N, C-alpha and C. Protein backbone atom coordinates (compact mmCIF):
# COMPACT_ATOMS: atom_id res chain seq x y z
N MET A 1 0.82 -1.20 0.00
CA MET A 1 0.00 0.00 0.00
C MET A 1 0.86 1.25 0.00
N ALA A 2 1.90 1.28 0.82
CA ALA A 2 2.74 2.47 0.89
C ALA A 2 3.43 2.74 -0.44
N GLU A 3 3.80 1.66 -1.17
CA GLU A 3 4.48 1.86 -2.44
C GLU A 3 3.58 2.60 -3.42
N LYS A 4 2.29 2.31 -3.43
CA LYS A 4 1.38 3.01 -4.32
C LYS A 4 1.37 4.50 -4.00
N ASN A 5 1.42 4.85 -2.73
CA ASN A 5 1.42 6.25 -2.31
C ASN A 5 2.71 6.94 -2.67
N ASN A 6 3.76 6.18 -2.96
CA ASN A 6 5.06 6.75 -3.24
C ASN A 6 5.43 6.68 -4.71
N ASP A 7 4.50 6.30 -5.57
CA ASP A 7 4.77 6.19 -7.00
C ASP A 7 5.22 7.52 -7.60
N ASP A 8 4.77 8.61 -7.04
CA ASP A 8 5.10 9.93 -7.57
C ASP A 8 6.56 10.31 -7.36
N ILE A 9 7.23 9.63 -6.47
CA ILE A 9 8.61 9.98 -6.13
C ILE A 9 9.52 9.86 -7.34
N ALA A 10 9.30 8.88 -8.18
CA ALA A 10 10.16 8.68 -9.35
C ALA A 10 10.17 9.88 -10.29
N LYS A 11 9.14 10.70 -10.22
CA LYS A 11 9.04 11.87 -11.09
C LYS A 11 9.72 13.11 -10.50
N LEU A 12 10.14 13.02 -9.25
CA LEU A 12 10.72 14.19 -8.59
C LEU A 12 12.18 14.38 -8.99
N SER A 13 12.58 15.63 -9.09
CA SER A 13 13.99 15.95 -9.28
C SER A 13 14.70 15.69 -7.95
N TYR A 14 16.02 15.69 -8.00
CA TYR A 14 16.78 15.51 -6.77
C TYR A 14 16.41 16.58 -5.74
N GLU A 15 16.35 17.84 -6.20
CA GLU A 15 16.07 18.95 -5.29
C GLU A 15 14.68 18.83 -4.68
N GLN A 16 13.70 18.43 -5.47
CA GLN A 16 12.34 18.27 -4.96
C GLN A 16 12.29 17.15 -3.92
N ALA A 17 12.93 16.04 -4.23
CA ALA A 17 12.94 14.90 -3.31
C ALA A 17 13.67 15.24 -2.02
N ARG A 18 14.80 15.94 -2.14
CA ARG A 18 15.57 16.34 -0.95
C ARG A 18 14.75 17.27 -0.06
N ASP A 19 14.09 18.24 -0.68
CA ASP A 19 13.28 19.19 0.10
C ASP A 19 12.13 18.49 0.80
N GLU A 20 11.49 17.54 0.10
CA GLU A 20 10.40 16.81 0.74
C GLU A 20 10.93 15.92 1.86
N LEU A 21 12.10 15.33 1.66
CA LEU A 21 12.70 14.51 2.70
C LEU A 21 12.99 15.33 3.95
N VAL A 22 13.46 16.54 3.78
CA VAL A 22 13.69 17.44 4.92
C VAL A 22 12.38 17.69 5.66
N LYS A 23 11.30 17.91 4.92
CA LYS A 23 9.99 18.14 5.55
C LYS A 23 9.52 16.89 6.30
N VAL A 24 9.71 15.73 5.69
CA VAL A 24 9.32 14.48 6.36
C VAL A 24 10.09 14.33 7.68
N LEU A 25 11.39 14.58 7.64
CA LEU A 25 12.20 14.46 8.85
C LEU A 25 11.78 15.46 9.92
N THR A 26 11.47 16.68 9.48
CA THR A 26 11.00 17.70 10.42
C THR A 26 9.70 17.27 11.09
N ASP A 27 8.78 16.73 10.29
CA ASP A 27 7.50 16.26 10.83
C ASP A 27 7.70 15.11 11.81
N LEU A 28 8.59 14.19 11.46
CA LEU A 28 8.85 13.06 12.36
C LEU A 28 9.50 13.52 13.66
N GLU A 29 10.46 14.42 13.54
CA GLU A 29 11.15 14.91 14.73
C GLU A 29 10.24 15.71 15.65
N ALA A 30 9.22 16.35 15.08
CA ALA A 30 8.29 17.13 15.89
C ALA A 30 7.48 16.22 16.82
N GLY A 31 7.28 14.97 16.39
CA GLY A 31 6.57 14.01 17.23
C GLY A 31 5.11 14.32 17.45
N SER A 32 4.52 15.10 16.56
CA SER A 32 3.14 15.51 16.77
C SER A 32 2.14 14.76 15.89
N VAL A 33 2.58 13.67 15.28
CA VAL A 33 1.68 12.89 14.43
C VAL A 33 1.42 11.54 15.07
N THR A 34 0.37 10.90 14.63
CA THR A 34 0.00 9.59 15.17
C THR A 34 1.03 8.54 14.75
N LEU A 35 0.95 7.39 15.38
CA LEU A 35 1.85 6.30 15.03
C LEU A 35 1.67 5.88 13.58
N ASP A 36 0.42 5.77 13.15
CA ASP A 36 0.16 5.39 11.75
C ASP A 36 0.74 6.41 10.78
N LYS A 37 0.56 7.68 11.07
CA LYS A 37 1.11 8.73 10.21
C LYS A 37 2.64 8.72 10.26
N SER A 38 3.19 8.45 11.42
CA SER A 38 4.64 8.35 11.55
C SER A 38 5.18 7.24 10.66
N MET A 39 4.49 6.11 10.63
CA MET A 39 4.92 5.00 9.78
C MET A 39 4.83 5.37 8.30
N GLU A 40 3.77 6.06 7.92
CA GLU A 40 3.64 6.52 6.53
C GLU A 40 4.78 7.47 6.17
N LEU A 41 5.06 8.40 7.08
CA LEU A 41 6.14 9.35 6.84
C LEU A 41 7.48 8.64 6.75
N TRP A 42 7.71 7.69 7.63
CA TRP A 42 8.96 6.94 7.63
C TRP A 42 9.15 6.22 6.29
N GLU A 43 8.09 5.54 5.83
CA GLU A 43 8.16 4.81 4.56
C GLU A 43 8.40 5.76 3.40
N ARG A 44 7.75 6.91 3.42
CA ARG A 44 7.95 7.89 2.35
C ARG A 44 9.38 8.44 2.43
N GLY A 45 9.85 8.70 3.62
CA GLY A 45 11.22 9.18 3.79
C GLY A 45 12.23 8.18 3.27
N GLU A 46 12.03 6.91 3.54
CA GLU A 46 12.92 5.87 3.03
C GLU A 46 12.92 5.88 1.50
N ALA A 47 11.73 5.98 0.91
CA ALA A 47 11.62 6.00 -0.56
C ALA A 47 12.27 7.26 -1.14
N LEU A 48 12.09 8.39 -0.48
CA LEU A 48 12.71 9.64 -0.94
C LEU A 48 14.24 9.54 -0.85
N ALA A 49 14.74 9.01 0.25
CA ALA A 49 16.19 8.87 0.42
C ALA A 49 16.77 7.94 -0.65
N LYS A 50 16.09 6.86 -0.93
CA LYS A 50 16.55 5.92 -1.96
C LYS A 50 16.57 6.60 -3.33
N HIS A 51 15.54 7.37 -3.63
CA HIS A 51 15.47 8.09 -4.91
C HIS A 51 16.62 9.10 -5.01
N CYS A 52 16.86 9.83 -3.94
CA CYS A 52 17.97 10.79 -3.93
C CYS A 52 19.30 10.08 -4.17
N GLN A 53 19.51 8.96 -3.52
CA GLN A 53 20.75 8.21 -3.67
C GLN A 53 20.90 7.71 -5.11
N THR A 54 19.83 7.25 -5.70
CA THR A 54 19.87 6.79 -7.10
C THR A 54 20.26 7.93 -8.03
N LEU A 55 19.65 9.10 -7.81
CA LEU A 55 19.97 10.25 -8.66
C LEU A 55 21.42 10.70 -8.46
N LEU A 56 21.89 10.70 -7.23
CA LEU A 56 23.28 11.08 -6.97
C LEU A 56 24.26 10.08 -7.59
N SER A 57 23.94 8.81 -7.49
CA SER A 57 24.79 7.79 -8.08
C SER A 57 24.86 7.94 -9.60
N GLY A 58 23.72 8.26 -10.21
CA GLY A 58 23.70 8.49 -11.65
C GLY A 58 24.53 9.69 -12.05
N ALA A 59 24.43 10.75 -11.27
CA ALA A 59 25.22 11.95 -11.56
C ALA A 59 26.71 11.67 -11.40
N LYS A 60 27.06 10.92 -10.36
CA LYS A 60 28.47 10.58 -10.14
C LYS A 60 29.00 9.74 -11.30
N ALA A 61 28.20 8.80 -11.77
CA ALA A 61 28.62 7.96 -12.89
C ALA A 61 28.87 8.80 -14.14
N LYS A 62 28.02 9.79 -14.38
CA LYS A 62 28.20 10.67 -15.53
C LYS A 62 29.48 11.49 -15.40
N ILE A 63 29.74 11.99 -14.21
CA ILE A 63 30.96 12.77 -13.98
C ILE A 63 32.19 11.89 -14.15
N ASP A 64 32.15 10.69 -13.56
CA ASP A 64 33.28 9.78 -13.69
C ASP A 64 33.55 9.43 -15.15
N GLU A 65 32.49 9.22 -15.90
CA GLU A 65 32.64 8.91 -17.32
C GLU A 65 33.22 10.09 -18.09
N ALA A 66 32.77 11.29 -17.79
CA ALA A 66 33.28 12.48 -18.45
C ALA A 66 34.76 12.70 -18.12
N LEU A 67 35.13 12.46 -16.89
CA LEU A 67 36.53 12.63 -16.49
C LEU A 67 37.43 11.54 -17.09
N LYS A 68 36.87 10.39 -17.29
CA LYS A 68 37.62 9.27 -17.85
C LYS A 68 38.00 9.57 -19.31
N ASP A 69 37.14 10.28 -20.00
CA ASP A 69 37.36 10.60 -21.41
C ASP A 69 38.41 11.68 -21.62
N LYS A 70 38.80 12.36 -20.57
CA LYS A 70 39.78 13.47 -20.72
C LYS A 70 41.18 12.97 -20.77
């Protein structure tokens, strides 16, 4: 179920995903949401972090490839 709610993450840019991840972390740290909402936020945060890492890895690979050609 949580994966369906996170399908939109793949369309986010790195900056959008990072900004949303910061908001998720802020909401979790505030501790003002229910346990169920906390779990939803946690799962979304995990998905956002994974997406950010994938985008960063892709960018690093492009840079490494460009530097290799020099």
